[in-house]
Amino acid sequence: MGRSLIIVALVGLLMATGVAGASAPNEVHLPVTRGDTPEAIVKEEVVVQRGDHLWKISARHLQSHAPDQPVAGYWLDVIDDNVAHLRSGDPDLIYPGEVISMPEINERP
C-alpha cells in the first residue's frame, strides 16, 4: 500500500514538472516488480486519469501491446486483477490517481 502511494505521488510530481512521458494522452505506464528474486514478475501499471474507465484503459493498453486482441476478454481480466484494490470496490467507479495493474495479455480463441 505504501509503495502505491509513493508511486502515485512521484507520477504526479513528474507530470506536473513535464518530466514524465506518456505513451497515450493521460496515461502513464509504470513497471512494477513484485518480489525480490530475479524471477520476479514485472507488471505494467496505469494511473487513472480524469475521464478514464476500465474499458478505456484496457483498450488503450491492448492497442499499444496487442492491437488484434479483442477488448472484452482482456477488460474482464483487468477487472479481476484490480477489483479488490479499488477504492470504491466497484469496477464501474474508479478515481483519478488510482493505480490499475495491467495483467498479462493472453491470446483468446
Protein backbone atom coordinates (compact mmCIF):
# COMPACT_ATOMS: atom_id res chain seq x y z
CA MET A 1 0.00 0.00 0.00
CA GLY A 2 2.80 2.41 0.86
CA ARG A 3 4.60 1.68 -2.43
CA SER A 4 1.48 2.58 -4.44
CA LEU A 5 1.11 5.89 -2.61
CA ILE A 6 4.74 6.75 -3.29
CA ILE A 7 4.35 5.84 -6.97
CA VAL A 8 1.21 7.97 -7.32
CA ALA A 9 2.94 10.93 -5.64
CA LEU A 10 6.02 10.52 -7.85
CA VAL A 11 3.95 10.31 -11.02
CA GLY A 12 2.03 13.44 -10.01
CA LEU A 13 5.29 15.29 -9.44
CA LEU A 14 6.78 14.12 -12.73
CA MET A 15 3.66 15.03 -14.67
CA ALA A 16 3.43 18.45 -13.02
CA THR A 17 7.02 19.24 -13.97
CA GLY A 18 6.61 17.89 -17.50
CA VAL A 19 9.28 15.22 -16.99
CA ALA A 20 7.01 12.19 -17.31
CA GLY A 21 6.37 10.96 -20.83
CA ALA A 22 3.18 9.11 -21.59
CA SER A 23 2.56 6.66 -24.40
CA ALA A 24 -1.00 7.93 -24.86
CA PRO A 25 -2.82 11.05 -23.68
CA ASN A 26 -3.47 10.92 -19.93
CA GLU A 27 -1.74 7.55 -19.50
CA VAL A 28 1.40 6.74 -17.60
CA HIS A 29 2.87 3.21 -17.65
CA LEU A 30 4.89 2.21 -14.63
CA PRO A 31 6.92 -1.01 -14.50
CA VAL A 32 6.47 -2.66 -11.11
CA THR A 33 8.46 -5.60 -9.79
CA ARG A 34 6.79 -7.99 -7.38
CA GLY A 35 9.18 -9.86 -5.08
CA ASP A 36 12.91 -9.79 -4.54
CA THR A 37 14.01 -12.68 -6.74
CA PRO A 38 15.46 -12.42 -10.26
CA GLU A 39 12.41 -14.33 -11.49
CA ALA A 40 10.09 -11.66 -10.09
CA ILE A 41 7.06 -10.77 -12.17
CA VAL A 42 7.16 -7.34 -13.80
CA LYS A 43 3.75 -5.79 -14.49
CA GLU A 44 2.76 -2.51 -16.01
CA GLU A 45 0.53 -0.22 -14.04
CA VAL A 46 -1.57 2.70 -15.23
CA VAL A 47 -2.52 5.68 -13.11
CA VAL A 48 -6.20 6.53 -13.61
CA GLN A 49 -6.78 9.96 -15.12
CA ARG A 50 -9.98 12.01 -15.11
CA GLY A 51 -12.48 10.53 -17.58
CA ASP A 52 -10.90 7.05 -17.55
CA HIS A 53 -12.81 3.83 -17.04
CA LEU A 54 -11.53 0.27 -17.09
CA TRP A 55 -12.76 -0.42 -20.64
CA LYS A 56 -10.94 2.65 -22.00
CA ILE A 57 -7.74 1.76 -20.10
CA SER A 58 -7.94 -1.85 -21.34
CA ALA A 59 -8.50 -0.75 -24.95
CA ARG A 60 -5.54 1.69 -24.86
CA HIS A 61 -3.27 -0.95 -23.36
CA LEU A 62 -4.25 -3.53 -25.97
CA GLN A 63 -3.88 -1.01 -28.80
CA SER A 64 -0.26 -0.40 -27.83
CA HIS A 65 0.64 -4.03 -27.00
CA ALA A 66 -1.64 -6.40 -28.95
CA PRO A 67 -3.92 -4.47 -31.34
CA ASP A 68 -5.51 -7.62 -32.77
CA GLN A 69 -6.80 -8.83 -29.38
CA PRO A 70 -10.47 -8.21 -28.50
CA VAL A 71 -11.04 -5.80 -25.64
CA ALA A 72 -13.93 -7.64 -23.95
CA GLY A 73 -11.95 -10.61 -22.65
CA TYR A 74 -8.98 -8.52 -21.56
CA TRP A 75 -11.25 -5.99 -19.85
CA LEU A 76 -12.64 -8.82 -17.68
CA ASP A 77 -9.05 -9.80 -16.77
CA VAL A 78 -8.33 -6.18 -15.78
CA ILE A 79 -11.43 -6.16 -13.56
CA ASP A 80 -10.49 -9.49 -11.94
CA ASP A 81 -6.94 -8.28 -11.19
CA ASN A 82 -8.00 -4.94 -9.72
CA VAL A 83 -11.48 -5.06 -8.16
CA ALA A 84 -10.17 -5.96 -4.68
CA HIS A 85 -7.80 -2.96 -4.73
CA LEU A 86 -10.20 -0.29 -5.99
CA ARG A 87 -11.09 2.44 -3.52
CA SER A 88 -14.80 2.04 -4.26
CA GLY A 89 -14.73 -1.75 -4.64
CA ASP A 90 -16.79 -1.21 -7.81
CA PRO A 91 -15.12 -1.60 -11.23
CA ASP A 92 -17.61 0.91 -12.65
CA LEU A 93 -16.39 3.60 -10.23
CA ILE A 94 -12.68 4.39 -10.36
CA TYR A 95 -10.97 7.57 -9.25
CA PRO A 96 -8.15 9.67 -10.73
CA GLY A 97 -4.88 8.71 -9.08
CA GLU A 98 -5.80 5.07 -8.51
CA VAL A 99 -3.23 2.62 -9.85
CA ILE A 100 -4.52 -0.11 -12.16
CA SER A 101 -2.40 -3.22 -12.68
CA MET A 102 -2.39 -4.42 -16.27
CA PRO A 103 -2.49 -8.23 -16.42
CA GLU A 104 -0.61 -10.34 -18.92
CA ILE A 105 -2.30 -10.39 -22.33
CA ASN A 106 -3.48 -13.92 -23.05
CA GLU A 107 -4.49 -14.94 -26.54
CA ARG A 108 -8.14 -15.92 -26.68
CA PRO A 109 -9.72 -18.32 -29.17
